[in-house]
Protein backbone atom coordinates (compact mmCIF):
# COMPACT_ATOMS: atom_id res chain seq x y z
CA UNK A 1 6.43 14.31 70.50
CA UNK A 2 9.54 12.45 70.50
CA UNK A 3 9.20 8.65 72.51
CA UNK A 4 10.32 9.19 76.11
CA UNK A 5 8.21 12.56 76.54
CA UNK A 6 8.77 16.24 76.28
CA UNK A 7 12.27 17.30 75.58
CA UNK A 8 13.92 19.53 78.00
CA UNK A 9 11.25 19.24 80.62
CA UNK A 10 12.62 17.77 84.14
CA UNK A 11 12.13 13.94 84.93
CA UNK A 12 11.83 13.18 81.08
CA UNK A 13 8.10 12.82 80.92
CA UNK A 14 4.82 14.05 81.70
CA UNK A 15 3.47 11.86 83.90
CA UNK A 16 6.63 12.09 86.07
CA UNK A 17 6.19 16.05 86.31
CA UNK A 18 2.37 15.68 86.77
CA UNK A 19 3.58 13.28 89.89
CA UNK A 20 6.01 16.15 91.01
CA UNK A 21 3.57 18.89 90.93
CA UNK A 22 0.72 16.55 93.01
CA UNK A 23 3.62 16.30 95.60
CA UNK A 24 4.54 19.84 95.85
CA UNK A 25 0.70 20.89 95.78
CA UNK A 26 0.30 18.22 98.57
CA UNK A 27 3.42 19.76 100.52
CA UNK A 28 1.91 23.07 99.93
CA UNK A 29 -1.08 22.37 101.85
CA UNK A 30 0.35 21.10 104.54
CA UNK A 31 2.31 23.78 105.40
CA UNK A 32 -0.39 26.42 105.00
CA UNK A 33 -2.18 24.17 107.52
CA UNK A 34 1.02 24.25 110.07
CA UNK A 35 1.33 27.91 109.10
CA UNK A 36 -2.53 28.76 109.96
CA UNK A 37 -2.21 26.82 113.27
CA UNK A 38 1.08 29.07 114.52
CA UNK A 39 0.46 31.65 116.83
CA UNK A 40 3.21 34.00 116.87
CA UNK A 41 3.58 36.75 119.92
CA UNK A 42 5.22 39.74 119.18
CA UNK A 43 6.00 42.78 121.46
CA UNK A 44 6.30 46.18 122.17
CA UNK A 45 7.72 48.66 125.01
CA UNK A 46 9.96 46.50 126.63
CA UNK A 47 7.40 43.28 126.63
CA UNK A 48 5.00 45.47 128.47
CA UNK A 49 2.66 44.72 125.25
CA UNK A 50 1.94 41.62 123.68
CA UNK A 51 -0.08 40.93 120.70
CA UNK A 52 -0.63 36.88 119.72
CA UNK A 53 -1.27 36.72 116.39
CA UNK A 54 -2.62 33.48 114.46
CA UNK A 55 -1.25 31.78 111.36
CA UNK A 56 -4.94 33.15 109.80
CA UNK A 57 -3.95 36.62 110.76
CA UNK A 58 -6.21 36.78 113.59
CA UNK A 59 -5.65 38.26 116.99
CA UNK A 60 -5.60 35.50 119.66
CA UNK A 61 -4.79 37.62 122.44
CA UNK A 62 -3.21 40.83 123.92
CA UNK A 63 -1.54 41.63 127.05
CA UNK A 64 -1.06 45.06 128.26
CA UNK A 65 0.76 45.48 131.23
CA UNK A 66 -1.27 48.47 133.61
CA UNK A 67 1.70 50.04 134.03
CA UNK A 68 2.01 51.47 129.85
CA UNK A 69 -2.11 52.43 130.75
CA UNK A 70 -1.75 56.06 131.04
CA UNK A 71 -5.38 57.79 130.50
CA UNK A 72 -3.70 60.93 129.22
CA UNK A 73 -1.74 59.21 126.68
CA UNK A 74 -4.23 56.59 125.21
CA UNK A 75 -2.21 57.34 121.33
CA UNK A 76 0.95 56.26 123.34
CA UNK A 77 -0.73 52.82 124.06
CA UNK A 78 -2.41 52.59 120.46
CA UNK A 79 1.25 52.71 119.20
CA UNK A 80 2.57 50.32 121.66
CA UNK A 81 -0.22 47.52 120.54
CA UNK A 82 0.81 48.34 116.87
CA UNK A 83 4.02 47.88 117.13
CA UNK A 84 3.78 44.38 118.59
CA UNK A 85 1.13 43.53 115.84
CA UNK A 86 3.53 44.62 113.50
CA UNK A 87 6.13 42.35 114.74
CA UNK A 88 3.95 39.49 115.15
CA UNK A 89 2.88 39.94 111.66
CA UNK A 90 6.35 40.35 110.25
CA UNK A 91 7.22 37.20 112.02
CA UNK A 92 4.39 35.45 110.37
CA UNK A 93 5.35 36.53 106.96
CA UNK A 94 9.07 35.46 107.50
CA UNK A 95 8.19 31.92 108.75
CA UNK A 96 5.43 31.65 106.01
CA UNK A 97 7.99 32.78 103.51
CA UNK A 98 10.51 30.10 104.97
CA UNK A 99 8.09 27.44 104.81
CA UNK A 100 7.63 27.90 101.22
CA UNK A 101 10.93 28.62 99.99
CA UNK A 102 11.71 25.08 101.61
CA UNK A 103 9.00 22.96 99.60
CA UNK A 104 9.43 25.61 96.45
CA UNK A 105 13.20 25.52 96.51
CA UNK A 106 12.93 29.53 96.47
CA UNK A 107 10.78 29.97 93.15
CA UNK A 108 8.16 32.15 93.22
CA UNK A 109 4.49 30.69 92.74
CA UNK A 110 1.66 32.92 91.44
CA UNK A 111 -0.43 32.65 94.40
């Protein structure tokens, strides 16, 4: 190994590279905690159905306007709940990716 560290490695030496990796790991842990604490609201049916989804992928609330409750159309209500959940899940995924990309500079990590 040449004096001064590994050739072609960012930062010039292994200690600097390790420090950068540890810094990134801490930033990722903070971002994961922030995402887990998030609450995203998905809506459907003109906002008559709302699903509140946490960053931990748990549902924290469901609000259904009585006007969309039709005993003859339970399937329609189920569709609205699924649509609201899917909207919240898509928004949560987008926000998670945005925060991850801020830390990694867009580089895909194996986890």
